[in-house]
Amino acid sequence: MKGFDALLNVLNSSASTFNKQTDEVSRTEVDAKIAQISDVNEAIQQKQKEIADLQQQVKSLQSQTEVSRSKLQEAKSNFAAALERRRAEIQQQRKEFETILG
């Protein structure tokens, strides 16, 4: 009987050792995965910040583009108005000279 008790004790001891080892391996692997998850989450947060920064740059560039477009349109309008005024002045002067020269 003592032989059976000894075998059961060895078996129980082996089971306990095995369980401790598997628990340790499991804990190590889980901890490693948790660390990886944390790293990936940090990378995601960094990318989100980069995306937000780039979106802000796009908004700024769009605003600058509209300002430039508006200034260009205003310059074109001012030039066209000045051109028409100068044409009218030249035509008026021509008429005056034609009247004088008869």
PDB file of N, CA and C in Angstrom:
ATOM      1  N   MET A   1       0.811  -1.193   0.000  1.00  0.00           N
ATOM      2  CA  MET A   1       0.000   0.000   0.000  1.00  0.00           C
ATOM      3  C   MET A   1       0.851   1.252   0.000  1.00  0.00           C
ATOM      4  N   LYS A   2       1.955   1.137   0.714  1.00  0.00           N
ATOM      5  CA  LYS A   2       2.830   2.307   0.756  1.00  0.00           C
ATOM      6  C   LYS A   2       3.336   2.636  -0.635  1.00  0.00           C
ATOM      7  N   GLY A   3       3.526   1.617  -1.460  1.00  0.00           N
ATOM      8  CA  GLY A   3       3.993   1.846  -2.834  1.00  0.00           C
ATOM      9  C   GLY A   3       2.976   2.641  -3.625  1.00  0.00           C
ATOM     10  N   PHE A   4       1.685   2.340  -3.437  1.00  0.00           N
ATOM     11  CA  PHE A   4       0.633   3.075  -4.145  1.00  0.00           C
ATOM     12  C   PHE A   4       0.558   4.521  -3.645  1.00  0.00           C
ATOM     13  N   ASP A   5       0.676   4.653  -2.328  1.00  0.00           N
ATOM     14  CA  ASP A   5       0.663   6.007  -1.754  1.00  0.00           C
ATOM     15  C   ASP A   5       1.848   6.820  -2.281  1.00  0.00           C
ATOM     16  N   ALA A   6       2.997   6.196  -2.387  1.00  0.00           N
ATOM     17  CA  ALA A   6       4.183   6.880  -2.897  1.00  0.00           C
ATOM     18  C   ALA A   6       3.965   7.281  -4.351  1.00  0.00           C
ATOM     19  N   LEU A   7       3.386   6.356  -5.149  1.00  0.00           N
ATOM     20  CA  LEU A   7       3.106   6.675  -6.564  1.00  0.00           C
ATOM     21  C   LEU A   7       2.124   7.836  -6.675  1.00  0.00           C
ATOM     22  N   LEU A   8       1.099   7.825  -5.831  1.00  0.00           N
ATOM     23  CA  LEU A   8       0.120   8.923  -5.852  1.00  0.00           C
ATOM     24  C   LEU A   8       0.774  10.249  -5.446  1.00  0.00           C
ATOM     25  N   ASN A   9       1.660  10.178  -4.453  1.00  0.00           N
ATOM     26  CA  ASN A   9       2.378  11.393  -4.042  1.00  0.00           C
ATOM     27  C   ASN A   9       3.259  11.924  -5.176  1.00  0.00           C
ATOM     28  N   VAL A  10       3.955  11.034  -5.855  1.00  0.00           N
ATOM     29  CA  VAL A  10       4.802  11.431  -6.990  1.00  0.00           C
ATOM     30  C   VAL A  10       3.928  12.025  -8.097  1.00  0.00           C
ATOM     31  N   LEU A  11       2.806  11.362  -8.349  1.00  0.00           N
ATOM     32  CA  LEU A  11       1.895  11.844  -9.377  1.00  0.00           C
ATOM     33  C   LEU A  11       1.351  13.221  -9.016  1.00  0.00           C
ATOM     34  N   ASN A  12       0.942  13.395  -7.786  1.00  0.00           N
ATOM     35  CA  ASN A  12       0.440  14.698  -7.331  1.00  0.00           C
ATOM     36  C   ASN A  12       1.520  15.763  -7.397  1.00  0.00           C
ATOM     37  N   SER A  13       2.723  15.396  -6.999  1.00  0.00           N
ATOM     38  CA  SER A  13       3.847  16.325  -7.053  1.00  0.00           C
ATOM     39  C   SER A  13       4.143  16.724  -8.500  1.00  0.00           C
ATOM     40  N   SER A  14       4.121  15.755  -9.394  1.00  0.00           N
ATOM     41  CA  SER A  14       4.355  16.029 -10.814  1.00  0.00           C
ATOM     42  C   SER A  14       3.258  16.933 -11.386  1.00  0.00           C
ATOM     43  N   ALA A  15       2.034  16.668 -11.007  1.00  0.00           N
ATOM     44  CA  ALA A  15       0.909  17.491 -11.475  1.00  0.00           C
ATOM     45  C   ALA A  15       1.062  18.920 -10.970  1.00  0.00           C
ATOM     46  N   SER A  16       1.455  19.057  -9.713  1.00  0.00           N
ATOM     47  CA  SER A  16       1.643  20.383  -9.129  1.00  0.00           C
ATOM     48  C   SER A  16       2.761  21.137  -9.848  1.00  0.00           C
ATOM     49  N   THR A  17       3.870  20.435 -10.080  1.00  0.00           N
ATOM     50  CA  THR A  17       5.002  21.044 -10.800  1.00  0.00           C
ATOM     51  C   THR A  17       4.589  21.450 -12.212  1.00  0.00           C
ATOM     52  N   PHE A  18       3.887  20.535 -12.889  1.00  0.00           N
ATOM     53  CA  PHE A  18       3.423  20.815 -14.248  1.00  0.00           C
ATOM     54  C   PHE A  18       2.497  22.046 -14.269  1.00  0.00           C
ATOM     55  N   ASN A  19       1.566  22.098 -13.329  1.00  0.00           N
ATOM     56  CA  ASN A  19       0.629  23.230 -13.261  1.00  0.00           C
ATOM     57  C   ASN A  19       1.358  24.549 -13.007  1.00  0.00           C
ATOM     58  N   LYS A  20       2.355  24.517 -12.124  1.00  0.00           N
ATOM     59  CA  LYS A  20       3.144  25.721 -11.845  1.00  0.00           C
ATOM     60  C   LYS A  20       3.885  26.171 -13.100  1.00  0.00           C
ATOM     61  N   GLN A  21       4.478  25.215 -13.814  1.00  0.00           N
ATOM     62  CA  GLN A  21       5.226  25.556 -15.023  1.00  0.00           C
ATOM     63  C   GLN A  21       4.303  26.114 -16.109  1.00  0.00           C
ATOM     64  N   THR A  22       3.161  25.472 -16.303  1.00  0.00           N
ATOM     65  CA  THR A  22       2.241  25.962 -17.334  1.00  0.00           C
ATOM     66  C   THR A  22       1.658  27.312 -16.954  1.00  0.00           C
ATOM     67  N   ASP A  23       1.406  27.511 -15.653  1.00  0.00           N
ATOM     68  CA  ASP A  23       0.928  28.817 -15.198  1.00  0.00           C
ATOM     69  C   ASP A  23       1.972  29.895 -15.487  1.00  0.00           C
ATOM     70  N   GLU A  24       3.237  29.570 -15.243  1.00  0.00           N
ATOM     71  CA  GLU A  24       4.318  30.536 -15.480  1.00  0.00           C
ATOM     72  C   GLU A  24       4.446  30.855 -16.976  1.00  0.00           C
ATOM     73  N   VAL A  25       4.415  29.815 -17.800  1.00  0.00           N
ATOM     74  CA  VAL A  25       4.502  30.021 -19.252  1.00  0.00           C
ATOM     75  C   VAL A  25       3.309  30.857 -19.717  1.00  0.00           C
ATOM     76  N   SER A  26       2.142  30.519 -19.248  1.00  0.00           N
ATOM     77  CA  SER A  26       0.932  31.252 -19.618  1.00  0.00           C
ATOM     78  C   SER A  26       1.040  32.713 -19.207  1.00  0.00           C
ATOM     79  N   ARG A  27       1.498  32.932 -17.981  1.00  0.00           N
ATOM     80  CA  ARG A  27       1.640  34.295 -17.469  1.00  0.00           C
ATOM     81  C   ARG A  27       2.663  35.072 -18.311  1.00  0.00           C
ATOM     82  N   THR A  28       3.770  34.431 -18.655  1.00  0.00           N
ATOM     83  CA  THR A  28       4.799  35.076 -19.462  1.00  0.00           C
ATOM     84  C   THR A  28       4.258  35.443 -20.842  1.00  0.00           C
ATOM     85  N   GLU A  29       3.567  34.506 -21.473  1.00  0.00           N
ATOM     86  CA  GLU A  29       3.014  34.768 -22.803  1.00  0.00           C
ATOM     87  C   GLU A  29       1.942  35.848 -22.751  1.00  0.00           C
ATOM     88  N   VAL A  30       1.087  35.778 -21.740  1.00  0.00           N
ATOM     89  CA  VAL A  30       0.022  36.789 -21.605  1.00  0.00           C
ATOM     90  C   VAL A  30       0.640  38.162 -21.371  1.00  0.00           C
ATOM     91  N   ASP A  31       1.633  38.218 -20.494  1.00  0.00           N
ATOM     92  CA  ASP A  31       2.290  39.504 -20.227  1.00  0.00           C
ATOM     93  C   ASP A  31       2.929  40.066 -21.495  1.00  0.00           C
ATOM     94  N   ALA A  32       3.545  39.191 -22.284  1.00  0.00           N
ATOM     95  CA  ALA A  32       4.162  39.634 -23.535  1.00  0.00           C
ATOM     96  C   ALA A  32       3.101  40.178 -24.493  1.00  0.00           C
ATOM     97  N   LYS A  33       1.972  39.487 -24.582  1.00  0.00           N
ATOM     98  CA  LYS A  33       0.890  39.941 -25.465  1.00  0.00           C
ATOM     99  C   LYS A  33       0.310  41.262 -24.982  1.00  0.00           C
ATOM    100  N   ILE A  34       0.160  41.394 -23.662  1.00  0.00           N
ATOM    101  CA  ILE A  34      -0.347  42.652 -23.111  1.00  0.00           C
ATOM    102  C   ILE A  34       0.609  43.798 -23.441  1.00  0.00           C
ATOM    103  N   ALA A  35       1.910  43.532 -23.346  1.00  0.00           N
ATOM    104  CA  ALA A  35       2.902  44.552 -23.699  1.00  0.00           C
ATOM    105  C   ALA A  35       2.800  44.912 -25.178  1.00  0.00           C
ATOM    106  N   GLN A  36       2.601  43.914 -26.034  1.00  0.00           N
ATOM    107  CA  GLN A  36       2.446  44.171 -27.467  1.00  0.00           C
ATOM    108  C   GLN A  36       1.198  45.005 -27.732  1.00  0.00           C
ATOM    109  N   ILE A  37       0.120  44.669 -27.047  1.00  0.00           N
ATOM    110  CA  ILE A  37      -1.124  45.433 -27.201  1.00  0.00           C
ATOM    111  C   ILE A  37      -0.895  46.891 -26.817  1.00  0.00           C
ATOM    112  N   SER A  38      -0.197  47.084 -25.726  1.00  0.00           N
ATOM    113  CA  SER A  38       0.110  48.446 -25.278  1.00  0.00           C
ATOM    114  C   SER A  38       0.938  49.192 -26.317  1.00  0.00           C
ATOM    115  N   ASP A  39       1.950  48.525 -26.870  1.00  0.00           N
ATOM    116  CA  ASP A  39       2.784  49.142 -27.902  1.00  0.00           C
ATOM    117  C   ASP A  39       1.969  49.513 -29.143  1.00  0.00           C
ATOM    118  N   VAL A  40       1.103  48.607 -29.560  1.00  0.00           N
ATOM    119  CA  VAL A  40       0.275  48.879 -30.739  1.00  0.00           C
ATOM    120  C   VAL A  40      -0.685  50.028 -30.465  1.00  0.00           C
ATOM    121  N   ASN A  41      -1.272  50.042 -29.271  1.00  0.00           N
ATOM    122  CA  ASN A  41      -2.167  51.144 -28.921  1.00  0.00           C
ATOM    123  C   ASN A  41      -1.440  52.481 -28.915  1.00  0.00           C
ATOM    124  N   GLU A  42      -0.207  52.488 -28.419  1.00  0.00           N
ATOM    125  CA  GLU A  42       0.598  53.715 -28.438  1.00  0.00           C
ATOM    126  C   GLU A  42       0.880  54.144 -29.874  1.00  0.00           C
ATOM    127  N   ALA A  43       1.191  53.186 -30.742  1.00  0.00           N
ATOM    128  CA  ALA A  43       1.439  53.499 -32.153  1.00  0.00           C
ATOM    129  C   ALA A  43       0.179  54.065 -32.802  1.00  0.00           C
ATOM    130  N   ILE A  44      -0.968  53.493 -32.470  1.00  0.00           N
ATOM    131  CA  ILE A  44      -2.238  53.992 -33.008  1.00  0.00           C
ATOM    132  C   ILE A  44      -2.469  55.436 -32.558  1.00  0.00           C
ATOM    133  N   GLN A  45      -2.231  55.696 -31.288  1.00  0.00           N
ATOM    134  CA  GLN A  45      -2.416  57.054 -30.770  1.00  0.00           C
ATOM    135  C   GLN A  45      -1.481  58.039 -31.477  1.00  0.00           C
ATOM    136  N   GLN A  46      -0.246  57.621 -31.719  1.00  0.00           N
ATOM    137  CA  GLN A  46       0.713  58.478 -32.415  1.00  0.00           C
ATOM    138  C   GLN A  46       0.242  58.748 -33.840  1.00  0.00           C
ATOM    139  N   LYS A  47      -0.222  57.708 -34.513  1.00  0.00           N
ATOM    140  CA  LYS A  47      -0.712  57.872 -35.895  1.00  0.00           C
ATOM    141  C   LYS A  47      -1.945  58.777 -35.925  1.00  0.00           C
ATOM    142  N   GLN A  48      -2.818  58.624 -34.927  1.00  0.00           N
ATOM    143  CA  GLN A  48      -4.001  59.481 -34.863  1.00  0.00           C
ATOM    144  C   GLN A  48      -3.608  60.938 -34.685  1.00  0.00           C
ATOM    145  N   LYS A  49      -2.577  61.180 -33.879  1.00  0.00           N
ATOM    146  CA  LYS A  49      -2.083  62.541 -33.689  1.00  0.00           C
ATOM    147  C   LYS A  49      -1.495  63.061 -35.003  1.00  0.00           C
ATOM    148  N   GLU A  50      -0.738  62.217 -35.683  1.00  0.00           N
ATOM    149  CA  GLU A  50      -0.170  62.625 -36.970  1.00  0.00           C
ATOM    150  C   GLU A  50      -1.277  62.943 -37.968  1.00  0.00           C
ATOM    151  N   ILE A  51      -2.317  62.116 -37.982  1.00  0.00           N
ATOM    152  CA  ILE A  51      -3.447  62.347 -38.887  1.00  0.00           C
ATOM    153  C   ILE A  51      -4.119  63.677 -38.544  1.00  0.00           C
ATOM    154  N   ALA A  52      -4.335  63.921 -37.266  1.00  0.00           N
ATOM    155  CA  ALA A  52      -4.964  65.183 -36.840  1.00  0.00           C
ATOM    156  C   ALA A  52      -4.100  66.373 -37.254  1.00  0.00           C
ATOM    157  N   ASP A  53      -2.782  66.251 -37.081  1.00  0.00           N
ATOM    158  CA  ASP A  53      -1.876  67.329 -37.496  1.00  0.00           C
ATOM    159  C   ASP A  53      -1.954  67.558 -39.000  1.00  0.00           C
ATOM    160  N   LEU A  54      -1.971  66.479 -39.764  1.00  0.00           N
ATOM    161  CA  LEU A  54      -2.062  66.608 -41.223  1.00  0.00           C
ATOM    162  C   LEU A  54      -3.402  67.204 -41.650  1.00  0.00           C
ATOM    163  N   GLN A  55      -4.478  66.808 -40.955  1.00  0.00           N
ATOM    164  CA  GLN A  55      -5.787  67.385 -41.269  1.00  0.00           C
ATOM    165  C   GLN A  55      -5.797  68.885 -40.985  1.00  0.00           C
ATOM    166  N   GLN A  56      -5.121  69.290 -39.920  1.00  0.00           N
ATOM    167  CA  GLN A  56      -5.028  70.715 -39.597  1.00  0.00           C
ATOM    168  C   GLN A  56      -4.220  71.446 -40.670  1.00  0.00           C
ATOM    169  N   GLN A  57      -3.163  70.816 -41.160  1.00  0.00           N
ATOM    170  CA  GLN A  57      -2.371  71.420 -42.241  1.00  0.00           C
ATOM    171  C   GLN A  57      -3.216  71.586 -43.497  1.00  0.00           C
ATOM    172  N   VAL A  58      -4.043  70.586 -43.794  1.00  0.00           N
ATOM    173  CA  VAL A  58      -4.923  70.660 -44.961  1.00  0.00           C
ATOM    174  C   VAL A  58      -5.876  71.841 -44.807  1.00  0.00           C
ATOM    175  N   LYS A  59      -6.484  71.984 -43.635  1.00  0.00           N
ATOM    176  CA  LYS A  59      -7.411  73.095 -43.402  1.00  0.00           C
ATOM    177  C   LYS A  59      -6.704  74.436 -43.580  1.00  0.00           C
ATOM    178  N   SER A  60      -5.504  74.528 -43.032  1.00  0.00           N
ATOM    179  CA  SER A  60      -4.742  75.765 -43.153  1.00  0.00           C
ATOM    180  C   SER A  60      -4.419  76.068 -44.613  1.00  0.00           C
ATOM    181  N   LEU A  61      -3.992  75.040 -45.343  1.00  0.00           N
ATOM    182  CA  LEU A  61      -3.675  75.235 -46.758  1.00  0.00           C
ATOM    183  C   LEU A  61      -4.917  75.595 -47.569  1.00  0.00           C
ATOM    184  N   GLN A  62      -6.044  74.990 -47.229  1.00  0.00           N
ATOM    185  CA  GLN A  62      -7.288  75.325 -47.919  1.00  0.00           C
ATOM    186  C   GLN A  62      -7.648  76.784 -47.675  1.00  0.00           C
ATOM    187  N   SER A  63      -7.485  77.225 -46.449  1.00  0.00           N
ATOM    188  CA  SER A  63      -7.770  78.616 -46.106  1.00  0.00           C
ATOM    189  C   SER A  63      -6.828  79.553 -46.864  1.00  0.00           C
ATOM    190  N   GLN A  64      -5.543  79.223 -46.899  1.00  0.00           N
ATOM    191  CA  GLN A  64      -4.574  80.038 -47.624  1.00  0.00           C
ATOM    192  C   GLN A  64      -4.895  80.066 -49.111  1.00  0.00           C
ATOM    193  N   THR A  65      -5.344  78.928 -49.634  1.00  0.00           N
ATOM    194  CA  THR A  65      -5.706  78.846 -51.045  1.00  0.00           C
ATOM    195  C   THR A  65      -6.867  79.780 -51.351  1.00  0.00           C
ATOM    196  N   GLU A  66      -7.865  79.788 -50.497  1.00  0.00           N
ATOM    197  CA  GLU A  66      -9.022  80.663 -50.706  1.00  0.00           C
ATOM    198  C   GLU A  66      -8.608  82.135 -50.647  1.00  0.00           C
ATOM    199  N   VAL A  67      -7.736  82.473 -49.714  1.00  0.00           N
ATOM    200  CA  VAL A  67      -7.248  83.849 -49.617  1.00  0.00           C
ATOM    201  C   VAL A  67      -6.505  84.222 -50.891  1.00  0.00           C
ATOM    202  N   SER A  68      -5.629  83.337 -51.355  1.00  0.00           N
ATOM    203  CA  SER A  68      -4.869  83.601 -52.584  1.00  0.00           C
ATOM    204  C   SER A  68      -5.807  83.735 -53.774  1.00  0.00           C
ATOM    205  N   ARG A  69      -6.776  82.848 -53.869  1.00  0.00           N
ATOM    206  CA  ARG A  69      -7.734  82.885 -54.973  1.00  0.00           C
ATOM    207  C   ARG A  69      -8.520  84.201 -54.952  1.00  0.00           C
ATOM    208  N   SER A  70      -8.938  84.607 -53.767  1.00  0.00           N
ATOM    209  CA  SER A  70      -9.697  85.850 -53.613  1.00  0.00           C
ATOM    210  C   SER A  70      -8.857  87.060 -54.015  1.00  0.00           C
ATOM    211  N   LYS A  71      -7.601  87.078 -53.561  1.00  0.00           N
ATOM    212  CA  LYS A  71      -6.711  88.193 -53.916  1.00  0.00           C
ATOM    213  C   LYS A  71      -6.462  88.239 -55.416  1.00  0.00           C
ATOM    214  N   LEU A  72      -6.279  87.086 -56.022  1.00  0.00           N
ATOM    215  CA  LEU A  72      -6.052  87.033 -57.464  1.00  0.00           C
ATOM    216  C   LEU A  72      -7.277  87.534 -58.220  1.00  0.00           C
ATOM    217  N   GLN A  73      -8.454  87.110 -57.794  1.00  0.00           N
ATOM    218  CA  GLN A  73      -9.686  87.558 -58.436  1.00  0.00           C
ATOM    219  C   GLN A  73      -9.864  89.067 -58.283  1.00  0.00           C
ATOM    220  N   GLU A  74      -9.536  89.577 -57.102  1.00  0.00           N
ATOM    221  CA  GLU A  74      -9.631  91.022 -56.870  1.00  0.00           C
ATOM    222  C   GLU A  74      -8.645  91.775 -57.765  1.00  0.00           C
ATOM    223  N   ALA A  75      -7.443  91.248 -57.904  1.00  0.00           N
ATOM    224  CA  ALA A  75      -6.443  91.883 -58.771  1.00  0.00           C
ATOM    225  C   ALA A  75      -6.919  91.881 -60.224  1.00  0.00           C
ATOM    226  N   LYS A  76      -7.507  90.782 -60.672  1.00  0.00           N
ATOM    227  CA  LYS A  76      -8.029  90.708 -62.044  1.00  0.00           C
ATOM    228  C   LYS A  76      -9.146  91.729 -62.254  1.00  0.00           C
ATOM    229  N   SER A  77     -10.042  91.806 -61.291  1.00  0.00           N
ATOM    230  CA  SER A  77     -11.152  92.758 -61.388  1.00  0.00           C
ATOM    231  C   SER A  77     -10.639  94.191 -61.405  1.00  0.00           C
ATOM    232  N   ASN A  78      -9.699  94.491 -60.506  1.00  0.00           N
ATOM    233  CA  ASN A  78      -9.127  95.838 -60.458  1.00  0.00           C
ATOM    234  C   ASN A  78      -8.426  96.178 -61.765  1.00  0.00           C
ATOM    235  N   PHE A  79      -7.695  95.216 -62.328  1.00  0.00           N
ATOM    236  CA  PHE A  79      -7.003  95.456 -63.590  1.00  0.00           C
ATOM    237  C   PHE A  79      -8.005  95.703 -64.710  1.00  0.00           C
ATOM    238  N   ALA A  80      -9.048  94.878 -64.764  1.00  0.00           N
ATOM    239  CA  ALA A  80     -10.061  95.038 -65.819  1.00  0.00           C
ATOM    240  C   ALA A  80     -10.737  96.398 -65.708  1.00  0.00           C
ATOM    241  N   ALA A  81     -11.053  96.815 -64.499  1.00  0.00           N
ATOM    242  CA  ALA A  81     -11.681  98.126 -64.301  1.00  0.00           C
ATOM    243  C   ALA A  81     -10.734  99.251 -64.706  1.00  0.00           C
ATOM    244  N   ALA A  82      -9.478  99.141 -64.316  1.00  0.00           N
ATOM    245  CA  ALA A  82      -8.486 100.160 -64.678  1.00  0.00           C
ATOM    246  C   ALA A  82      -8.277 100.194 -66.192  1.00  0.00           C
ATOM    247  N   LEU A  83      -8.264  99.034 -66.814  1.00  0.00           N
ATOM    248  CA  LEU A  83      -8.099  98.947 -68.268  1.00  0.00           C
ATOM    249  C   LEU A  83      -9.253  99.653 -68.974  1.00  0.00           C
ATOM    250  N   GLU A  84     -10.464  99.402 -68.532  1.00  0.00           N
ATOM    251  CA  GLU A  84     -11.626 100.047 -69.146  1.00  0.00           C
ATOM    252  C   GLU A  84     -11.602 101.560 -68.938  1.00  0.00           C
ATOM    253  N   ARG A  85     -11.217 102.007 -67.763  1.00  0.00           N
ATOM    254  CA  ARG A  85     -11.112 103.454 -67.506  1.00  0.00           C
ATOM    255  C   ARG A  85     -10.083 104.090 -68.431  1.00  0.00           C
ATOM    256  N   ARG A  86      -8.946 103.431 -68.560  1.00  0.00           N
ATOM    257  CA  ARG A  86      -7.878 103.984 -69.413  1.00  0.00           C
ATOM    258  C   ARG A  86      -8.314 103.997 -70.874  1.00  0.00           C
ATOM    259  N   ARG A  87      -9.000 102.948 -71.337  1.00  0.00           N
ATOM    260  CA  ARG A  87      -9.521 102.925 -72.713  1.00  0.00           C
ATOM    261  C   ARG A  87     -10.482 104.091 -72.944  1.00  0.00           C
ATOM    262  N   ALA A  88     -11.374 104.288 -71.960  1.00  0.00           N
ATOM    263  CA  ALA A  88     -12.341 105.374 -72.084  1.00  0.00           C
ATOM    264  C   ALA A  88     -11.626 106.726 -72.134  1.00  0.00           C
ATOM    265  N   GLU A  89     -10.600 106.882 -71.299  1.00  0.00           N
ATOM    266  CA  GLU A  89      -9.831 108.131 -71.298  1.00  0.00           C
ATOM    267  C   GLU A  89      -9.157 108.353 -72.649  1.00  0.00           C
ATOM    268  N   ILE A  90      -8.562 107.307 -73.185  1.00  0.00           N
ATOM    269  CA  ILE A  90      -7.872 107.430 -74.479  1.00  0.00           C
ATOM    270  C   ILE A  90      -8.875 107.743 -75.584  1.00  0.00           C
ATOM    271  N   GLN A  91     -10.028 107.084 -75.571  1.00  0.00           N
ATOM    272  CA  GLN A  91     -11.041 107.358 -76.586  1.00  0.00           C
ATOM    273  C   GLN A  91     -11.545 108.799 -76.463  1.00  0.00           C
ATOM    274  N   GLN A  92     -11.709 109.268 -75.229  1.00  0.00           N
ATOM    275  CA  GLN A  92     -12.143 110.651 -75.009  1.00  0.00           C
ATOM    276  C   GLN A  92     -11.095 111.624 -75.528  1.00  0.00           C
ATOM    277  N   GLN A  93      -9.827 111.351 -75.226  1.00  0.00           N
ATOM    278  CA  GLN A  93      -8.751 112.224 -75.710  1.00  0.00           C
ATOM    279  C   GLN A  93      -8.694 112.218 -77.235  1.00  0.00           C
ATOM    280  N   ARG A  94      -8.930 111.051 -77.826  1.00  0.00           N
ATOM    281  CA  ARG A  94      -8.929 110.949 -79.291  1.00  0.00           C
ATOM    282  C   ARG A  94     -10.035 111.812 -79.889  1.00  0.00           C
ATOM    283  N   LYS A  95     -11.212 111.752 -79.284  1.00  0.00           N
ATOM    284  CA  LYS A  95     -12.319 112.561 -79.766  1.00  0.00           C
ATOM    285  C   LYS A  95     -11.997 114.035 -79.664  1.00  0.00           C
ATOM    286  N   GLU A  96     -11.384 114.412 -78.541  1.00  0.00           N
ATOM    287  CA  GLU A  96     -11.010 115.822 -78.347  1.00  0.00           C
ATOM    288  C   GLU A  96     -10.016 116.265 -79.414  1.00  0.00           C
ATOM    289  N   PHE A  97      -9.035 115.413 -79.689  1.00  0.00           N
ATOM    290  CA  PHE A  97      -8.055 115.755 -80.725  1.00  0.00           C
ATOM    291  C   PHE A  97      -8.702 115.816 -82.102  1.00  0.00           C
ATOM    292  N   GLU A  98      -9.623 114.914 -82.377  1.00  0.00           N
ATOM    293  CA  GLU A  98     -10.321 114.904 -83.668  1.00  0.00           C
ATOM    294  C   GLU A  98     -11.117 116.181 -83.832  1.00  0.00           C
ATOM    295  N   THR A  99     -11.720 116.646 -82.730  1.00  0.00           N
ATOM    296  CA  THR A  99     -12.497 117.892 -82.772  1.00  0.00           C
ATOM    297  C   THR A  99     -11.572 119.061 -83.002  1.00  0.00           C
ATOM    298  N   ILE A 100     -10.443 119.077 -82.321  1.00  0.00           N
ATOM    299  CA  ILE A 100      -9.479 120.187 -82.462  1.00  0.00           C
ATOM    300  C   ILE A 100      -8.901 120.186 -83.876  1.00  0.00           C
ATOM    301  N   LEU A 101      -8.538 119.031 -84.374  1.00  0.00           N
ATOM    302  CA  LEU A 101      -7.876 118.941 -85.674  1.00  0.00           C
ATOM    303  C   LEU A 101      -8.897 119.020 -86.812  1.00  0.00           C
ATOM    304  N   GLY A 102     -10.124 118.839 -86.465  1.00  0.00           N
ATOM    305  CA  GLY A 102     -11.224 119.019 -87.346  1.00  0.00           C
ATOM    306  C   GLY A 102     -11.278 118.219 -88.541  1.00  0.00           C
TER     307      GLY A 102
END
